Amino acid sequence: MNDKPKPETRKAAPQERGERLKSALKANLARRKAQMRARAATEDGHAGSGQGEKRED
């Protein structure tokens, strides 16, 4: 009963880890870009929304 992993699986593990990290980084960047776009859109929408304007009663 030899429970040690074979050398082929040891070499594949770092490559699989690299692929997982690469996809996680790509997803994280996409999420952050979407957040930045959403924040920029809300800032543009609020830029002239009554700040500094006089209210008429």
C-alpha atoms as a PDB file:
ATOM      1  CA  MET A   1       0.000   0.000   0.000  1.00  0.00           C
ATOM      2  CA  ASN A   2       1.904   2.940  -1.303  1.00  0.00           C
ATOM      3  CA  ASP A   3       0.007   6.187  -0.601  1.00  0.00           C
ATOM      4  CA  LYS A   4       2.663   8.505  -2.010  1.00  0.00           C
ATOM      5  CA  PRO A   5       1.620  10.443  -5.114  1.00  0.00           C
ATOM      6  CA  LYS A   6       3.308   9.500  -8.353  1.00  0.00           C
ATOM      7  CA  PRO A   7       5.897  11.912  -9.771  1.00  0.00           C
ATOM      8  CA  GLU A   8       3.584  12.756 -12.697  1.00  0.00           C
ATOM      9  CA  THR A   9       0.922  14.119 -10.332  1.00  0.00           C
ATOM     10  CA  ARG A  10       3.485  16.146  -8.401  1.00  0.00           C
ATOM     11  CA  LYS A  11       4.550  17.937 -11.564  1.00  0.00           C
ATOM     12  CA  ALA A  12       0.963  18.528 -12.639  1.00  0.00           C
ATOM     13  CA  ALA A  13      -0.087  19.986  -9.292  1.00  0.00           C
ATOM     14  CA  PRO A  14       1.901  23.256  -9.605  1.00  0.00           C
ATOM     15  CA  GLN A  15       0.612  23.680 -13.145  1.00  0.00           C
ATOM     16  CA  GLU A  16      -2.985  23.151 -11.972  1.00  0.00           C
ATOM     17  CA  ARG A  17      -2.403  25.604  -9.130  1.00  0.00           C
ATOM     18  CA  GLY A  18      -1.060  28.138 -11.587  1.00  0.00           C
ATOM     19  CA  GLU A  19      -4.124  27.721 -13.780  1.00  0.00           C
ATOM     20  CA  ARG A  20      -6.421  28.160 -10.762  1.00  0.00           C
ATOM     21  CA  LEU A  21      -4.559  31.289  -9.675  1.00  0.00           C
ATOM     22  CA  LYS A  22      -4.621  32.675 -13.203  1.00  0.00           C
ATOM     23  CA  SER A  23      -8.377  32.225 -13.521  1.00  0.00           C
ATOM     24  CA  ALA A  24      -8.985  33.631 -10.029  1.00  0.00           C
ATOM     25  CA  LEU A  25      -6.873  36.691 -10.842  1.00  0.00           C
ATOM     26  CA  LYS A  26      -8.732  37.208 -14.105  1.00  0.00           C
ATOM     27  CA  ALA A  27     -12.103  36.988 -12.335  1.00  0.00           C
ATOM     28  CA  ASN A  28     -10.915  39.369  -9.613  1.00  0.00           C
ATOM     29  CA  LEU A  29      -9.728  41.933 -12.162  1.00  0.00           C
ATOM     30  CA  ALA A  30     -13.015  41.709 -14.049  1.00  0.00           C
ATOM     31  CA  ARG A  31     -14.959  42.218 -10.814  1.00  0.00           C
ATOM     32  CA  ARG A  32     -12.835  45.213  -9.799  1.00  0.00           C
ATOM     33  CA  LYS A  33     -13.187  46.796 -13.242  1.00  0.00           C
ATOM     34  CA  ALA A  34     -16.961  46.381 -13.042  1.00  0.00           C
ATOM     35  CA  GLN A  35     -16.965  48.003  -9.589  1.00  0.00           C
ATOM     36  CA  MET A  36     -14.895  50.931 -10.851  1.00  0.00           C
ATOM     37  CA  ARG A  37     -17.212  51.420 -13.829  1.00  0.00           C
ATOM     38  CA  ALA A  38     -20.268  51.326 -11.572  1.00  0.00           C
ATOM     39  CA  ARG A  39     -18.741  53.837  -9.170  1.00  0.00           C
ATOM     40  CA  ALA A  40     -17.741  56.128 -12.020  1.00  0.00           C
ATOM     41  CA  ALA A  41     -21.262  55.954 -13.435  1.00  0.00           C
ATOM     42  CA  THR A  42     -22.835  56.845 -10.080  1.00  0.00           C
ATOM     43  CA  GLU A  43     -20.378  59.699  -9.554  1.00  0.00           C
ATOM     44  CA  ASP A  44     -21.192  61.081 -13.005  1.00  0.00           C
ATOM     45  CA  GLY A  45     -24.896  60.822 -12.271  1.00  0.00           C
ATOM     46  CA  HIS A  46     -24.572  62.634  -8.936  1.00  0.00           C
ATOM     47  CA  ALA A  47     -22.184  65.345 -10.124  1.00  0.00           C
ATOM     48  CA  GLY A  48     -24.955  67.813 -11.018  1.00  0.00           C
ATOM     49  CA  SER A  49     -27.713  66.535  -8.770  1.00  0.00           C
ATOM     50  CA  GLY A  50     -28.454  69.635  -6.769  1.00  0.00           C
ATOM     51  CA  GLN A  51     -25.259  70.200  -4.914  1.00  0.00           C
ATOM     52  CA  GLY A  52     -24.559  73.903  -4.746  1.00  0.00           C
ATOM     53  CA  GLU A  53     -27.849  74.861  -6.347  1.00  0.00           C
ATOM     54  CA  LYS A  54     -30.360  77.093  -4.611  1.00  0.00           C
ATOM     55  CA  ARG A  55     -33.752  75.644  -3.752  1.00  0.00           C
ATOM     56  CA  GLU A  56     -36.841  77.616  -4.509  1.00  0.00           C
ATOM     57  CA  ASP A  57     -39.598  77.216  -1.917  1.00  0.00           C
END
